[in-house]
């Protein structure tokens, strides 16, 4: 991959990463509730899903989601249902102030949650399938180029998601208390449900 081509992809990756989506909500929710250390688990889960999506595109399976309305709709409905379920669980979570001795430790499934949030969005795979081939030089070996693209996307996304998580984590001392925690649960729960509804109502293309 030529350096100029990589710079173009780097710019595209930054724009994609900073655009708020379910991954950013997941990172911020975990960072605000449990701190950055716990949010990093969710962020690593997001990157794992991103690598899987890139592998799907590299293997040609992304074309199936791009062309098959049935396959796209199956993944879309499953992803929307998962986001709505996350939102309901978040909404119903009891308000336990940060730093409370009785507050639960960060759940171990934050990593899996990050994987499922990214992986259950078929639009992400279709978008990657449309974007990535534009930066692949067919005259050169393709797998090394895919590895460069994967490393670039994951590095940028990790930095951006970390910034989101660290930003809200700094607000924890000011958002400590039963009323504040209840409001946080309602806000993030509502955002997850809204993201699920938007995904469910989105068109194939």
Protein backbone atom coordinates (compact mmCIF):
# COMPACT_ATOMS: atom_id res chain seq x y z
CA UNK A 1 0.00 0.00 0.00
CA UNK A 2 1.42 3.36 -1.07
CA UNK A 3 1.95 5.89 1.72
CA UNK A 4 -0.36 8.43 0.07
CA UNK A 5 -3.10 5.79 -0.16
CA UNK A 6 -2.61 4.93 3.51
CA UNK A 7 -2.91 8.61 4.46
CA UNK A 8 -6.24 8.73 2.64
CA UNK A 9 -7.44 5.67 4.52
CA UNK A 10 -6.17 7.12 7.81
CA UNK A 11 -8.31 10.22 7.26
CA UNK A 12 -11.34 8.06 6.47
CA UNK A 13 -10.73 5.90 9.57
CA UNK A 14 -10.59 8.97 11.81
CA UNK A 15 -13.88 10.30 10.44
CA UNK A 16 -15.53 6.91 10.93
CA UNK A 17 -14.23 6.54 14.49
CA UNK A 18 -15.23 10.00 15.75
CA UNK A 19 -18.77 9.65 14.40
CA UNK A 20 -20.87 8.73 17.46
CA UNK A 21 -22.51 5.33 17.36
CA UNK A 22 -23.36 2.34 19.59
CA UNK A 23 -19.64 1.72 20.17
CA UNK A 24 -19.13 5.22 21.54
CA UNK A 25 -22.20 4.86 23.76
CA UNK A 26 -20.88 1.55 25.08
CA UNK A 27 -17.47 3.07 25.84
CA UNK A 28 -18.95 6.11 27.57
CA UNK A 29 -21.46 4.11 29.57
CA UNK A 30 -18.77 1.76 30.89
CA UNK A 31 -16.33 4.61 31.53
CA UNK A 32 -18.87 6.64 33.49
CA UNK A 33 -20.12 3.73 35.55
CA UNK A 34 -16.91 1.77 36.21
CA UNK A 35 -13.96 3.93 35.11
CA UNK A 36 -11.57 3.69 32.17
CA UNK A 37 -9.96 0.41 33.23
CA UNK A 38 -13.28 -1.40 32.92
CA UNK A 39 -14.28 0.53 29.79
CA UNK A 40 -11.09 -0.74 28.14
CA UNK A 41 -12.57 -4.25 28.20
CA UNK A 42 -15.54 -3.06 26.18
CA UNK A 43 -13.23 -1.15 23.83
CA UNK A 44 -11.15 -4.28 23.21
CA UNK A 45 -14.38 -6.11 22.47
CA UNK A 46 -15.28 -3.45 19.91
CA UNK A 47 -11.90 -3.95 18.22
CA UNK A 48 -12.32 -7.73 18.17
CA UNK A 49 -15.63 -7.29 16.37
CA UNK A 50 -13.99 -4.84 13.96
CA UNK A 51 -11.34 -7.42 13.10
CA UNK A 52 -14.05 -10.03 12.52
CA UNK A 53 -15.92 -7.62 10.25
CA UNK A 54 -12.75 -6.92 8.28
CA UNK A 55 -12.11 -10.66 7.96
CA UNK A 56 -15.67 -11.12 6.67
CA UNK A 57 -15.10 -8.44 4.06
CA UNK A 58 -11.68 -9.85 3.12
CA UNK A 59 -13.23 -13.28 2.72
CA UNK A 60 -15.88 -11.94 0.40
CA UNK A 61 -18.78 -12.64 2.76
CA UNK A 62 -19.46 -8.93 3.14
CA UNK A 63 -20.82 -8.99 -0.40
CA UNK A 64 -23.57 -11.32 0.79
CA UNK A 65 -24.87 -8.78 3.30
CA UNK A 66 -24.54 -6.05 0.71
CA UNK A 67 -26.60 -7.92 -1.89
CA UNK A 68 -28.91 -10.20 0.10
CA UNK A 69 -31.81 -8.35 1.71
CA UNK A 70 -32.74 -11.44 3.75
CA UNK A 71 -29.26 -11.92 5.23
CA UNK A 72 -29.01 -8.21 5.95
CA UNK A 73 -32.42 -8.10 7.64
CA UNK A 74 -31.66 -11.14 9.83
CA UNK A 75 -28.48 -9.57 11.18
CA UNK A 76 -30.17 -6.17 11.45
CA UNK A 77 -33.13 -7.41 13.50
CA UNK A 78 -30.84 -9.45 15.77
CA UNK A 79 -28.59 -6.43 16.30
CA UNK A 80 -31.51 -4.09 16.95
CA UNK A 81 -33.02 -6.50 19.46
CA UNK A 82 -29.70 -6.74 21.31
CA UNK A 83 -29.30 -2.96 21.51
CA UNK A 84 -32.88 -2.55 22.77
CA UNK A 85 -32.31 -5.28 25.35
CA UNK A 86 -29.15 -3.50 26.53
CA UNK A 87 -31.11 -0.27 26.79
CA UNK A 88 -33.88 -1.85 28.85
CA UNK A 89 -31.36 -3.46 31.19
CA UNK A 90 -29.54 -0.15 31.60
CA UNK A 91 -32.80 1.74 32.21
CA UNK A 92 -33.84 -0.72 34.90
CA UNK A 93 -30.44 -0.82 36.64
CA UNK A 94 -30.68 0.30 40.29
CA UNK A 95 -28.99 3.63 41.07
CA UNK A 96 -25.80 2.66 42.87
CA UNK A 97 -23.44 5.64 43.36
CA UNK A 98 -19.86 5.39 42.15
CA UNK A 99 -17.55 4.61 45.01
CA UNK A 100 -20.26 3.00 47.14
CA UNK A 101 -18.80 0.09 49.07
CA UNK A 102 -21.81 -1.99 48.09
CA UNK A 103 -21.64 -1.05 44.43
CA UNK A 104 -20.98 -4.01 42.12
CA UNK A 105 -17.62 -4.45 40.45
CA UNK A 106 -17.45 -4.04 36.70
CA UNK A 107 -19.14 -7.05 35.06
CA UNK A 108 -16.92 -9.53 33.31
CA UNK A 109 -19.11 -9.46 30.22
CA UNK A 110 -18.11 -5.93 29.18
CA UNK A 111 -15.72 -7.43 26.61
CA UNK A 112 -18.44 -9.66 25.16
CA UNK A 113 -20.85 -6.72 25.16
CA UNK A 114 -18.38 -4.72 23.09
CA UNK A 115 -18.02 -7.59 20.62
CA UNK A 116 -21.77 -8.02 20.20
CA UNK A 117 -22.52 -4.29 19.91
CA UNK A 118 -20.19 -3.89 16.92
CA UNK A 119 -20.76 -7.30 15.38
CA UNK A 120 -24.55 -7.03 15.37
CA UNK A 121 -24.55 -3.95 13.12
CA UNK A 122 -24.77 -5.13 9.48
CA UNK A 123 -24.45 -1.57 8.20
CA UNK A 124 -20.89 -1.52 9.57
CA UNK A 125 -19.96 -4.56 7.50
CA UNK A 126 -21.62 -3.15 4.38
CA UNK A 127 -19.86 0.18 4.94
CA UNK A 128 -16.49 -1.52 5.35
CA UNK A 129 -17.19 -3.61 2.25
CA UNK A 130 -17.81 -0.42 0.29
CA UNK A 131 -14.88 1.54 1.75
CA UNK A 132 -11.96 -0.86 2.11
CA UNK A 133 -11.66 -2.06 -1.52
CA UNK A 134 -11.08 1.54 -2.62
CA UNK A 135 -7.79 1.52 -0.69
CA UNK A 136 -6.59 -1.90 -1.86
CA UNK A 137 -4.01 -1.94 -4.65
CA UNK A 138 -4.92 -4.99 -6.79
CA UNK A 139 -1.39 -5.08 -8.22
CA UNK A 140 0.06 -5.88 -4.80
CA UNK A 141 -0.53 -8.79 -2.37
CA UNK A 142 -3.90 -8.14 -0.72
CA UNK A 143 -3.55 -9.76 2.71
CA UNK A 144 -0.66 -7.50 3.84
CA UNK A 145 -2.79 -4.53 2.81
CA UNK A 146 -5.74 -5.86 4.80
CA UNK A 147 -3.45 -6.23 7.81
CA UNK A 148 -2.33 -2.61 7.48
CA UNK A 149 -5.96 -1.49 7.19
CA UNK A 150 -6.97 -3.59 10.19
CA UNK A 151 -4.13 -2.23 12.34
CA UNK A 152 -4.95 1.34 11.31
CA UNK A 153 -8.68 1.06 11.98
CA UNK A 154 -8.23 -0.66 15.34
CA UNK A 155 -5.56 1.80 16.50
CA UNK A 156 -7.65 4.84 15.57
CA UNK A 157 -10.85 3.40 17.01
CA UNK A 158 -9.12 2.42 20.26
CA UNK A 159 -7.76 5.95 20.70
CA UNK A 160 -11.11 7.60 19.93
CA UNK A 161 -13.16 5.24 22.12
CA UNK A 162 -10.60 5.71 24.90
CA UNK A 163 -11.02 9.48 24.63
CA UNK A 164 -14.79 9.09 24.94
CA UNK A 165 -14.42 6.83 27.99
CA UNK A 166 -11.76 8.98 29.67
CA UNK A 167 -13.78 12.13 29.10
CA UNK A 168 -16.88 10.82 30.87
CA UNK A 169 -14.78 9.05 33.54
CA UNK A 170 -13.51 12.47 34.64
CA UNK A 171 -17.11 13.48 35.29
CA UNK A 172 -17.69 10.67 37.78
CA UNK A 173 -17.01 12.76 40.94
CA UNK A 174 -19.69 15.24 39.85
CA UNK A 175 -22.23 12.59 38.88
CA UNK A 176 -22.05 10.54 42.07
CA UNK A 177 -25.33 10.01 43.87
CA UNK A 178 -28.52 8.02 43.55
CA UNK A 179 -30.37 10.67 41.55
CA UNK A 180 -27.44 11.27 39.19
CA UNK A 181 -26.89 7.54 38.67
CA UNK A 182 -30.58 7.02 37.94
CA UNK A 183 -30.42 9.82 35.36
CA UNK A 184 -27.33 8.26 33.77
CA UNK A 185 -29.04 4.88 33.52
CA UNK A 186 -32.08 6.47 31.89
CA UNK A 187 -29.99 8.51 29.43
CA UNK A 188 -27.76 5.65 28.28
CA UNK A 189 -30.67 3.21 28.33
CA UNK A 190 -32.68 5.54 26.14
CA UNK A 191 -29.77 6.01 23.74
CA UNK A 192 -29.29 2.23 23.37
CA UNK A 193 -33.02 1.74 22.74
CA UNK A 194 -33.01 4.62 20.25
CA UNK A 195 -30.02 3.13 18.43
CA UNK A 196 -31.80 -0.22 18.26
CA UNK A 197 -34.99 1.35 16.88
CA UNK A 198 -33.00 3.30 14.27
CA UNK A 199 -31.16 0.15 13.22
CA UNK A 200 -34.40 -1.83 12.98
CA UNK A 201 -36.03 0.85 10.82
CA UNK A 202 -33.04 1.41 8.56
CA UNK A 203 -33.19 0.40 4.93
CA UNK A 204 -30.89 -2.17 3.34
CA UNK A 205 -28.96 0.47 1.39
